[in-house]
Amino acid sequence: MPPHHPPPLAWLLLVAALFAASPCPCCASYVPCEACEARALALCAPVSAGCPQPVREPGCGCCLTCALEAGRPCGVYTAPCARGLRCLPTGGEEKPLRALLRGRGACRSERLLLLQAPQAPGGAKLGMSEALGAQVKVPLYGGRDHVGSRKAQAMKQARERSKQLARQGAWQGGLDHKPLGPGPCRTRLDHVIQSMRDLSRVAAVSLYLPNCDKKGFFKRKQCKPSRGRRRGVCWCVDALGLKLASGGSRGGELQCNEPTNNQ
């Protein structure tokens, strides 16, 4: 007897999520359903008197319908199977998922399915997932556990990528370590802005706003504000805001050379 191979886990979870009987209207829905309004409930047709088990319509439906009994055809868009039954593809289906989408499944008993399930190599009965696997022997996408193997491979690649990025971050941090939090220029700028909020009146002609880069450090060229047609004085600083030896210049003609190394 050839060894039994269960179908991909994704298929089993899909079957269990779509066709598990549930008394609530949205337990098997991927999208949260809105509450049913009284006006919508008033438009629902009454359930037949001989219905053994009224259930909600599939999806986010508000009306009641009669649950399908054992052996009745079922699918993704049909009424759900009765309690204790599951909608499963019939034997011989080459594409079981497509069959369920087109309503070519059948409501079958979970208990009977477990009793008829083959035994595991150790002699124990297979669980529900393995029993479902015995009914659906057609592999998806042309290979055994193809979906599961692709998922595992993708997760492995994501973990390796995460480790690689972590190593790169540690390596770059060792070469060009920057202190956490805002830089010195950004700290000073925030202090100036806070001082402006505290003062009822600000002398704009004497106010100096530091010129910061994206990392919060001082840009090489700093200038005081202009006074009418008279341009403000400019000077050169390092990344921490310390003034360099070059003299100040008025009118913006001063050229501050960028440092050769990252500061």
Foldseek 3Di string as FASTA:
>chain_A
DDDAAFAAPVVLVLQCLQAADDQDAPSSPPDDADDDDPVLAVPADDEDPPQPDWGAAHDRGDHIYGAAEFFDFAANRGGHHDHQWGWFAAAPDLDGNVCRNVRRTGIHGQVVLQVPADADPVRHGDDSSVSSRVRDVRYPPPDGNPVVVVVVVVVVVVVVVVVVVVVVVVVVCVVDPDDPDAAQLQVVQVVLVVVVVVDPDDDQQQDFRFDADPRRFGDQKGWHCADVPWFTKIFGDDRNRHGDPDDIDTDPPDDGDDDPDDD
